[in-house]
Amino acid sequence: MKRVDVSSALITDSEGHILIVKNAKGDSSYWSLPGGAVEAGETLEQAATREVKEETGDGIVITG
């Protein structure tokens, strides 16, 4: 089985609301945290930052 590394971001606002994105697959859809596959040479943090930008249009700063 081929290994695929993925990275996701848990993003909350000051009221504790969690950001989720709606994904479409064929005729159905599902909700998830923004994220996706790590590209060659990327760190997990770089992948999460890129995926959030691609999926939401917003930039993030990873803390913690």
C-alpha atoms as a PDB file:
ATOM      1  CA  MET A   1       0.000   0.000   0.000  1.00  0.00           C
ATOM      2  CA  LYS A   2       1.340   3.414  -0.966  1.00  0.00           C
ATOM      3  CA  ARG A   3       1.764   5.872   1.898  1.00  0.00           C
ATOM      4  CA  VAL A   4       0.247   9.334   1.462  1.00  0.00           C
ATOM      5  CA  ASP A   5       1.036  12.025   4.031  1.00  0.00           C
ATOM      6  CA  VAL A   6      -1.762  14.507   4.662  1.00  0.00           C
ATOM      7  CA  SER A   7      -2.060  17.668   6.691  1.00  0.00           C
ATOM      8  CA  SER A   8      -5.167  19.430   8.004  1.00  0.00           C
ATOM      9  CA  ALA A   9      -5.792  22.641   9.911  1.00  0.00           C
ATOM     10  CA  LEU A  10      -8.182  23.157  12.821  1.00  0.00           C
ATOM     11  CA  ILE A  11      -9.171  26.820  12.576  1.00  0.00           C
ATOM     12  CA  THR A  12     -11.379  28.508  15.179  1.00  0.00           C
ATOM     13  CA  ASP A  13     -12.627  32.024  15.680  1.00  0.00           C
ATOM     14  CA  SER A  14     -12.785  33.944  18.959  1.00  0.00           C
ATOM     15  CA  GLU A  15     -16.164  32.344  19.750  1.00  0.00           C
ATOM     16  CA  GLY A  16     -14.891  28.800  19.237  1.00  0.00           C
ATOM     17  CA  HIS A  17     -16.570  28.181  15.869  1.00  0.00           C
ATOM     18  CA  ILE A  18     -14.664  25.680  13.715  1.00  0.00           C
ATOM     19  CA  LEU A  19     -14.012  26.343  10.011  1.00  0.00           C
ATOM     20  CA  ILE A  20     -14.976  23.438   7.751  1.00  0.00           C
ATOM     21  CA  VAL A  21     -15.044  23.243   3.965  1.00  0.00           C
ATOM     22  CA  LYS A  22     -17.564  21.550   1.700  1.00  0.00           C
ATOM     23  CA  ASN A  23     -15.985  19.083  -0.709  1.00  0.00           C
ATOM     24  CA  ALA A  24     -17.690  17.686  -3.813  1.00  0.00           C
ATOM     25  CA  LYS A  25     -17.050  14.179  -5.086  1.00  0.00           C
ATOM     26  CA  GLY A  26     -19.139  13.077  -8.032  1.00  0.00           C
ATOM     27  CA  ASP A  27     -22.806  13.636  -7.232  1.00  0.00           C
ATOM     28  CA  SER A  28     -22.249  13.837  -3.474  1.00  0.00           C
ATOM     29  CA  SER A  29     -20.541  16.183  -1.066  1.00  0.00           C
ATOM     30  CA  TYR A  30     -19.055  16.070   2.421  1.00  0.00           C
ATOM     31  CA  TRP A  31     -17.651  18.464   5.026  1.00  0.00           C
ATOM     32  CA  SER A  32     -14.115  18.350   6.430  1.00  0.00           C
ATOM     33  CA  LEU A  33     -11.318  20.415   7.889  1.00  0.00           C
ATOM     34  CA  PRO A  34      -9.261  22.186   5.224  1.00  0.00           C
ATOM     35  CA  GLY A  35      -6.315  20.016   4.254  1.00  0.00           C
ATOM     36  CA  GLY A  36      -4.901  17.550   1.804  1.00  0.00           C
ATOM     37  CA  ALA A  37      -1.851  15.688   0.556  1.00  0.00           C
ATOM     38  CA  VAL A  38       1.659  16.861   1.392  1.00  0.00           C
ATOM     39  CA  GLU A  39       3.641  17.597  -1.766  1.00  0.00           C
ATOM     40  CA  ALA A  40       7.244  16.459  -2.248  1.00  0.00           C
ATOM     41  CA  GLY A  41       9.638  18.602  -0.211  1.00  0.00           C
ATOM     42  CA  GLU A  42       6.888  20.230   1.915  1.00  0.00           C
ATOM     43  CA  THR A  43       6.697  20.161   5.686  1.00  0.00           C
ATOM     44  CA  LEU A  44       3.354  19.388   7.307  1.00  0.00           C
ATOM     45  CA  GLU A  45       3.047  23.068   8.276  1.00  0.00           C
ATOM     46  CA  GLN A  46       3.735  24.239   4.711  1.00  0.00           C
ATOM     47  CA  ALA A  47       1.168  21.788   3.349  1.00  0.00           C
ATOM     48  CA  ALA A  48      -1.495  22.915   5.833  1.00  0.00           C
ATOM     49  CA  THR A  49      -0.837  26.579   5.008  1.00  0.00           C
ATOM     50  CA  ARG A  50      -1.021  25.914   1.254  1.00  0.00           C
ATOM     51  CA  GLU A  51      -4.178  23.795   1.519  1.00  0.00           C
ATOM     52  CA  VAL A  52      -6.004  26.410   3.615  1.00  0.00           C
ATOM     53  CA  LYS A  53      -5.089  29.101   1.057  1.00  0.00           C
ATOM     54  CA  GLU A  54      -6.241  26.897  -1.849  1.00  0.00           C
ATOM     55  CA  GLU A  55      -9.505  25.861  -0.200  1.00  0.00           C
ATOM     56  CA  THR A  56     -10.548  29.103   1.514  1.00  0.00           C
ATOM     57  CA  GLY A  57      -8.551  31.906  -0.088  1.00  0.00           C
ATOM     58  CA  ASP A  58      -7.324  32.934   3.371  1.00  0.00           C
ATOM     59  CA  GLY A  59      -3.807  32.818   4.735  1.00  0.00           C
ATOM     60  CA  ILE A  60      -3.013  31.362   8.149  1.00  0.00           C
ATOM     61  CA  VAL A  61      -0.246  31.481  10.732  1.00  0.00           C
ATOM     62  CA  ILE A  62       0.373  28.220  12.550  1.00  0.00           C
ATOM     63  CA  THR A  63       0.877  28.554  16.299  1.00  0.00           C
ATOM     64  CA  GLY A  64       1.471  26.141  19.132  1.00  0.00           C
END
